[in-house]
Amino acid sequence: MDYKCTIDASDSFLELLKAEKERQQKVSIIIDDNGWERAEGIISEIVNSNGGNYLVLDEGAPINVAKIVAVNGVFKTDCSC
């Protein structure tokens, strides 16, 4: 039987991301930015800028937390895959 681990669409991955940053664990994320993109690495920082939360992976560009649809295999319920 196939199943998919999900969180409610209205929830944010912010708390999970903060916990992974504290543990310095590698994260695998999927971002919905006019198409799905994958990214992975260790979170170097999480910042609040322009009214939104952003994370930075291993010297990469900021990623808007609101555009994240999956973290470490946990998906938002409203994403279709």
Protein backbone atom coordinates (compact mmCIF):
# COMPACT_ATOMS: atom_id res chain seq x y z
CA MET A 1 0.00 0.00 0.00
CA ASP A 2 1.33 3.43 -0.93
CA TYR A 3 0.87 6.35 1.40
CA LYS A 4 2.11 9.90 1.68
CA CYS A 5 3.00 11.64 4.94
CA THR A 6 1.37 15.09 4.98
CA ILE A 7 0.81 18.23 7.03
CA ASP A 8 -2.24 20.46 6.76
CA ALA A 9 -2.05 22.92 3.85
CA SER A 10 -2.49 25.85 6.25
CA ASP A 11 0.53 24.78 8.33
CA SER A 12 4.04 25.99 7.69
CA PHE A 13 7.22 23.98 7.61
CA LEU A 14 8.90 26.71 9.64
CA GLU A 15 9.05 24.83 12.95
CA LEU A 16 10.36 21.68 11.27
CA LEU A 17 12.98 23.73 9.41
CA LYS A 18 14.07 25.48 12.62
CA ALA A 19 14.49 22.10 14.33
CA GLU A 20 16.57 20.74 11.45
CA LYS A 21 18.73 23.89 11.51
CA GLU A 22 19.38 23.41 15.24
CA ARG A 23 20.36 19.79 14.65
CA GLN A 24 22.51 20.77 11.63
CA GLN A 25 20.81 18.01 9.64
CA LYS A 26 20.66 17.95 5.85
CA VAL A 27 17.18 18.71 4.50
CA SER A 28 15.63 17.76 1.18
CA ILE A 29 12.92 20.16 0.04
CA ILE A 30 10.61 20.65 -2.91
CA ILE A 31 9.69 24.22 -3.84
CA ASP A 32 6.70 25.21 -5.96
CA ASP A 33 7.85 28.27 -7.89
CA ASN A 34 5.98 28.04 -11.21
CA GLY A 35 7.01 24.40 -11.34
CA TRP A 36 8.60 22.10 -8.80
CA GLU A 37 12.27 22.44 -7.94
CA ARG A 38 14.36 20.33 -5.61
CA ALA A 39 16.95 21.61 -3.19
CA GLU A 40 18.92 20.03 -0.40
CA GLY A 41 21.61 20.90 2.06
CA ILE A 42 22.19 22.14 5.57
CA ILE A 43 20.26 25.26 6.57
CA SER A 44 22.72 28.05 7.28
CA GLU A 45 20.10 30.60 8.32
CA ILE A 46 16.39 31.37 8.54
CA VAL A 47 15.46 35.04 8.25
CA ASN A 48 12.31 37.13 8.25
CA SER A 49 12.43 39.67 5.43
CA ASN A 50 9.76 41.67 3.60
CA GLY A 51 7.05 40.06 5.73
CA GLY A 52 8.04 36.48 4.88
CA ASN A 53 10.34 33.76 6.17
CA TYR A 54 13.28 32.65 4.05
CA LEU A 55 15.91 30.00 4.51
CA VAL A 56 19.38 29.73 3.04
CA LEU A 57 20.98 26.37 2.33
CA ASP A 58 24.79 26.02 2.26
CA GLU A 59 25.65 29.39 0.73
CA GLY A 60 22.68 29.28 -1.67
CA ALA A 61 20.01 31.79 -2.61
CA PRO A 62 17.18 32.55 -0.16
CA ILE A 63 14.16 30.24 -0.44
CA ASN A 64 10.71 31.52 0.51
CA VAL A 65 9.35 29.12 3.14
CA ALA A 66 5.79 29.79 1.89
CA LYS A 67 6.73 28.17 -1.47
CA ILE A 68 7.95 24.93 0.10
CA VAL A 69 5.58 22.01 -0.53
CA ALA A 70 7.68 19.20 0.97
CA VAL A 71 10.46 18.73 3.52
CA ASN A 72 12.19 15.37 3.99
CA GLY A 73 9.30 13.50 2.38
CA VAL A 74 6.54 15.30 4.31
CA PHE A 75 4.16 17.07 1.89
CA LYS A 76 1.47 19.73 2.29
CA THR A 77 -1.97 18.20 1.78
CA ASP A 78 -2.89 20.58 -1.05
CA CYS A 79 0.03 19.65 -3.31
CA SER A 80 -0.65 17.24 -6.15
CA CYS A 81 2.00 14.73 -7.03
